[in-house]
């Protein structure tokens, strides 16, 4: 079991490596998250297909294209979708695995503000063509 001091140190390190994490605590994000979940009450992952294949509630908001600290991608409503938490976690792990990374070395490969992650598309609107959708 992790001690309180170790947990605080871990949180501080994550905040330093991924300063954008505080965006998730903002009132702006909470409003946007609420709207996405109202707009998409059923999981939109490929396996669920918005309730056409499996009926699971959306309870997590996902960035279709991982933002990796890019504020344009983070706040773009067209880049957001409602997913069931288990589907979201599966999608995120697949993305990290496909990138050859883990949460532990995420910041080193572009997990901070101002790092666009190479040739990744910076905006979503009109840019989804040719990009693989993962779930």
Protein backbone atom coordinates (compact mmCIF):
# COMPACT_ATOMS: atom_id res chain seq x y z
CA UNK A 1 0.00 0.00 0.00
CA UNK A 2 1.27 3.45 -0.93
CA UNK A 3 1.93 5.89 1.91
CA UNK A 4 0.32 9.33 1.95
CA UNK A 5 3.72 10.97 1.37
CA UNK A 6 4.43 8.71 -1.61
CA UNK A 7 1.01 9.51 -3.09
CA UNK A 8 1.60 13.26 -2.72
CA UNK A 9 5.05 12.93 -4.32
CA UNK A 10 3.58 10.91 -7.20
CA UNK A 11 0.86 13.54 -7.79
CA UNK A 12 3.43 16.35 -7.72
CA UNK A 13 5.63 14.56 -10.25
CA UNK A 14 2.67 13.98 -12.59
CA UNK A 15 1.64 17.64 -12.30
CA UNK A 16 5.18 18.69 -13.23
CA UNK A 17 5.47 16.26 -16.16
CA UNK A 18 1.92 16.83 -17.41
CA UNK A 19 0.91 20.39 -16.44
CA UNK A 20 -2.21 20.20 -18.61
CA UNK A 21 -3.77 17.75 -16.14
CA UNK A 22 -5.20 20.70 -14.19
CA UNK A 23 -7.47 21.46 -17.19
CA UNK A 24 -9.59 18.46 -16.11
CA UNK A 25 -10.37 20.20 -12.82
CA UNK A 26 -11.54 23.45 -14.44
CA UNK A 27 -15.16 24.60 -14.52
CA UNK A 28 -14.84 24.92 -18.30
CA UNK A 29 -13.96 21.21 -18.62
CA UNK A 30 -16.73 20.18 -16.24
CA UNK A 31 -19.29 22.06 -18.37
CA UNK A 32 -17.91 20.58 -21.60
CA UNK A 33 -17.80 17.07 -20.12
CA UNK A 34 -21.40 17.35 -18.94
CA UNK A 35 -22.52 18.49 -22.40
CA UNK A 36 -20.71 15.60 -24.16
CA UNK A 37 -22.30 13.05 -21.85
CA UNK A 38 -25.75 14.61 -22.42
CA UNK A 39 -25.22 14.64 -26.19
CA UNK A 40 -23.90 11.06 -26.26
CA UNK A 41 -25.55 9.05 -23.48
CA UNK A 42 -24.40 5.71 -24.95
CA UNK A 43 -20.82 4.57 -25.47
CA UNK A 44 -19.56 5.60 -28.91
CA UNK A 45 -16.62 3.15 -29.16
CA UNK A 46 -16.38 0.86 -32.19
CA UNK A 47 -17.47 -2.15 -30.13
CA UNK A 48 -20.60 -0.41 -28.81
CA UNK A 49 -21.33 1.86 -31.81
CA UNK A 50 -23.59 4.23 -29.92
CA UNK A 51 -25.84 1.44 -28.66
CA UNK A 52 -26.25 -0.34 -32.01
CA UNK A 53 -24.04 -3.28 -30.97
CA UNK A 54 -23.86 -3.07 -27.17
CA UNK A 55 -25.77 -0.78 -24.85
CA UNK A 56 -23.40 0.71 -22.30
CA UNK A 57 -23.74 4.17 -20.76
CA UNK A 58 -21.23 6.89 -21.52
CA UNK A 59 -19.63 7.87 -18.24
CA UNK A 60 -16.22 9.08 -19.47
CA UNK A 61 -15.30 11.71 -22.04
CA UNK A 62 -12.58 10.65 -24.46
CA UNK A 63 -10.34 12.62 -26.78
CA UNK A 64 -10.65 10.88 -30.15
CA UNK A 65 -7.19 12.13 -31.07
CA UNK A 66 -5.04 12.17 -27.90
CA UNK A 67 -4.30 15.79 -27.04
CA UNK A 68 -0.92 15.20 -25.30
CA UNK A 69 -1.07 18.73 -23.90
CA UNK A 70 -2.22 20.46 -27.09
CA UNK A 71 -4.93 22.93 -25.99
CA UNK A 72 -6.53 23.01 -29.45
CA UNK A 73 -7.14 19.26 -29.35
CA UNK A 74 -8.05 19.29 -25.67
CA UNK A 75 -10.89 21.82 -25.98
CA UNK A 76 -12.16 20.91 -29.48
CA UNK A 77 -15.72 19.55 -29.03
CA UNK A 78 -15.39 17.66 -32.33
CA UNK A 79 -12.49 15.75 -30.76
CA UNK A 80 -14.58 14.51 -27.84
CA UNK A 81 -16.81 11.46 -27.49
CA UNK A 82 -18.67 9.76 -24.70
CA UNK A 83 -17.37 6.30 -23.79
CA UNK A 84 -18.01 3.72 -21.11
CA UNK A 85 -15.02 3.78 -18.72
CA UNK A 86 -13.85 0.25 -19.53
CA UNK A 87 -13.99 1.05 -23.28
CA UNK A 88 -12.09 4.30 -22.68
CA UNK A 89 -9.39 2.54 -20.67
CA UNK A 90 -9.01 -0.13 -23.36
CA UNK A 91 -8.68 2.53 -26.08
CA UNK A 92 -6.14 4.54 -24.09
CA UNK A 93 -4.00 1.49 -23.33
CA UNK A 94 -4.05 0.51 -27.00
CA UNK A 95 -2.95 4.01 -28.01
CA UNK A 96 -0.09 3.98 -25.52
CA UNK A 97 0.95 0.47 -26.59
CA UNK A 98 0.84 1.42 -30.28
CA UNK A 99 3.05 4.42 -29.51
CA UNK A 100 5.43 2.13 -27.63
CA UNK A 101 4.99 4.02 -24.40
CA UNK A 102 3.54 3.66 -20.94
CA UNK A 103 2.23 6.22 -18.50
CA UNK A 104 5.67 6.13 -16.87
CA UNK A 105 7.51 7.51 -19.89
CA UNK A 106 4.60 9.40 -21.44
CA UNK A 107 5.98 12.86 -20.62
CA UNK A 108 9.33 12.07 -22.20
CA UNK A 109 7.76 11.39 -25.62
CA UNK A 110 5.56 14.46 -25.80
CA UNK A 111 3.14 14.40 -22.92
CA UNK A 112 3.58 18.02 -21.97
CA UNK A 113 2.25 21.38 -23.07
CA UNK A 114 3.58 22.65 -26.37
CA UNK A 115 4.64 19.25 -27.68
CA UNK A 116 2.62 18.26 -30.70
CA UNK A 117 3.83 14.67 -30.88
CA UNK A 118 5.46 14.85 -34.29
CA UNK A 119 3.20 14.79 -37.31
CA UNK A 120 -0.05 14.32 -35.41
CA UNK A 121 -2.91 16.43 -36.73
CA UNK A 122 -3.42 19.47 -34.52
CA UNK A 123 -7.09 20.08 -35.27
CA UNK A 124 -9.93 17.68 -35.66
CA UNK A 125 -12.46 19.44 -37.86
CA UNK A 126 -11.87 18.30 -41.42
CA UNK A 127 -8.74 16.41 -40.41
CA UNK A 128 -10.09 12.98 -39.48
CA UNK A 129 -9.83 11.54 -42.97
CA UNK A 130 -6.90 9.19 -43.26
CA UNK A 131 -6.52 8.80 -39.50
CA UNK A 132 -7.21 5.48 -37.83
CA UNK A 133 -9.95 5.52 -35.25
CA UNK A 134 -9.14 3.30 -32.28
CA UNK A 135 -11.31 2.12 -29.50
